[in-house]
Amino acid sequence: MVSLWMTDGSIEITIDLSVEQIARLVGSTRQTVSMLLNDLVREEPISSNDPAA
C-alpha cells in the first residue's frame, strides 16, 4: 500500500514495503538500499517512523 498527502508544507509518503522488496524493485541489494536510506535519514531529506531505523 502506498499513500501520499501533504502536511505543513511537506509531503508524506507511506510505503508498505520491506527494504528487501524495495531492493528487488530497483535491482539492488538489501544492504545497499538500507545503507542509502539510512544516509538519507541522517542527512534529513527524509525521515522514518520505523522504530528500528
C-alpha atoms as a PDB file:
ATOM      1  CA  MET A   1       0.000   0.000   0.000  1.00  0.00           C
ATOM      2  CA  VAL A   2       1.189   3.493  -0.847  1.00  0.00           C
ATOM      3  CA  SER A   3      -0.439   6.653   0.429  1.00  0.00           C
ATOM      4  CA  LEU A   4       0.506  10.273  -0.212  1.00  0.00           C
ATOM      5  CA  TRP A   5      -0.560  13.516   1.456  1.00  0.00           C
ATOM      6  CA  MET A   6       0.756  16.986   2.234  1.00  0.00           C
ATOM      7  CA  THR A   7       1.036  18.423   5.731  1.00  0.00           C
ATOM      8  CA  ASP A   8       2.690  21.632   6.939  1.00  0.00           C
ATOM      9  CA  GLY A   9       4.450  22.199   3.600  1.00  0.00           C
ATOM     10  CA  SER A  10       5.932  18.720   3.464  1.00  0.00           C
ATOM     11  CA  ILE A  11       4.917  15.642   1.528  1.00  0.00           C
ATOM     12  CA  GLU A  12       4.381  12.417   3.412  1.00  0.00           C
ATOM     13  CA  ILE A  13       4.535   9.128   1.522  1.00  0.00           C
ATOM     14  CA  THR A  14       3.751   5.883   3.295  1.00  0.00           C
ATOM     15  CA  ILE A  15       5.111   2.781   1.586  1.00  0.00           C
ATOM     16  CA  ASP A  16       4.291  -0.616   2.998  1.00  0.00           C
ATOM     17  CA  LEU A  17       7.359  -2.403   1.553  1.00  0.00           C
ATOM     18  CA  SER A  18      10.318  -4.006   3.232  1.00  0.00           C
ATOM     19  CA  VAL A  19      13.849  -2.884   2.406  1.00  0.00           C
ATOM     20  CA  GLU A  20      14.329  -6.206   0.636  1.00  0.00           C
ATOM     21  CA  GLN A  21      11.239  -5.611  -1.519  1.00  0.00           C
ATOM     22  CA  ILE A  22      12.461  -2.111  -2.450  1.00  0.00           C
ATOM     23  CA  ALA A  23      15.866  -3.556  -3.347  1.00  0.00           C
ATOM     24  CA  ARG A  24      14.270  -6.108  -5.664  1.00  0.00           C
ATOM     25  CA  LEU A  25      12.159  -3.412  -7.331  1.00  0.00           C
ATOM     26  CA  VAL A  26      15.205  -1.277  -8.138  1.00  0.00           C
ATOM     27  CA  GLY A  27      17.569  -4.155  -8.924  1.00  0.00           C
ATOM     28  CA  SER A  28      19.855  -3.698  -5.932  1.00  0.00           C
ATOM     29  CA  THR A  29      20.763  -5.487  -2.725  1.00  0.00           C
ATOM     30  CA  ARG A  30      19.045  -5.100   0.627  1.00  0.00           C
ATOM     31  CA  GLN A  31      22.329  -3.939   2.136  1.00  0.00           C
ATOM     32  CA  THR A  32      22.799  -1.144  -0.429  1.00  0.00           C
ATOM     33  CA  VAL A  33      19.209   0.101  -0.125  1.00  0.00           C
ATOM     34  CA  SER A  34      19.396   0.007   3.670  1.00  0.00           C
ATOM     35  CA  MET A  35      22.680   1.960   3.659  1.00  0.00           C
ATOM     36  CA  LEU A  36      21.301   4.600   1.259  1.00  0.00           C
ATOM     37  CA  LEU A  37      18.043   5.006   3.187  1.00  0.00           C
ATOM     38  CA  ASN A  38      19.968   5.374   6.465  1.00  0.00           C
ATOM     39  CA  ASP A  39      22.226   8.007   4.848  1.00  0.00           C
ATOM     40  CA  LEU A  40      19.163   9.966   3.703  1.00  0.00           C
ATOM     41  CA  VAL A  41      17.610   9.794   7.179  1.00  0.00           C
ATOM     42  CA  ARG A  42      20.871  11.079   8.733  1.00  0.00           C
ATOM     43  CA  GLU A  43      21.103  13.929   6.194  1.00  0.00           C
ATOM     44  CA  GLU A  44      17.402  14.696   6.866  1.00  0.00           C
ATOM     45  CA  PRO A  45      15.854  14.965   3.393  1.00  0.00           C
ATOM     46  CA  ILE A  46      13.718  12.022   4.538  1.00  0.00           C
ATOM     47  CA  SER A  47      12.525  10.797   7.909  1.00  0.00           C
ATOM     48  CA  SER A  48      11.444   7.411   9.138  1.00  0.00           C
ATOM     49  CA  ASN A  49       8.768   6.334  11.571  1.00  0.00           C
ATOM     50  CA  ASP A  50      10.333   2.883  11.771  1.00  0.00           C
ATOM     51  CA  PRO A  51      11.428   2.235  15.381  1.00  0.00           C
ATOM     52  CA  ALA A  52      14.249   0.047  14.050  1.00  0.00           C
ATOM     53  CA  ALA A  53      15.671   2.882  11.928  1.00  0.00           C
END
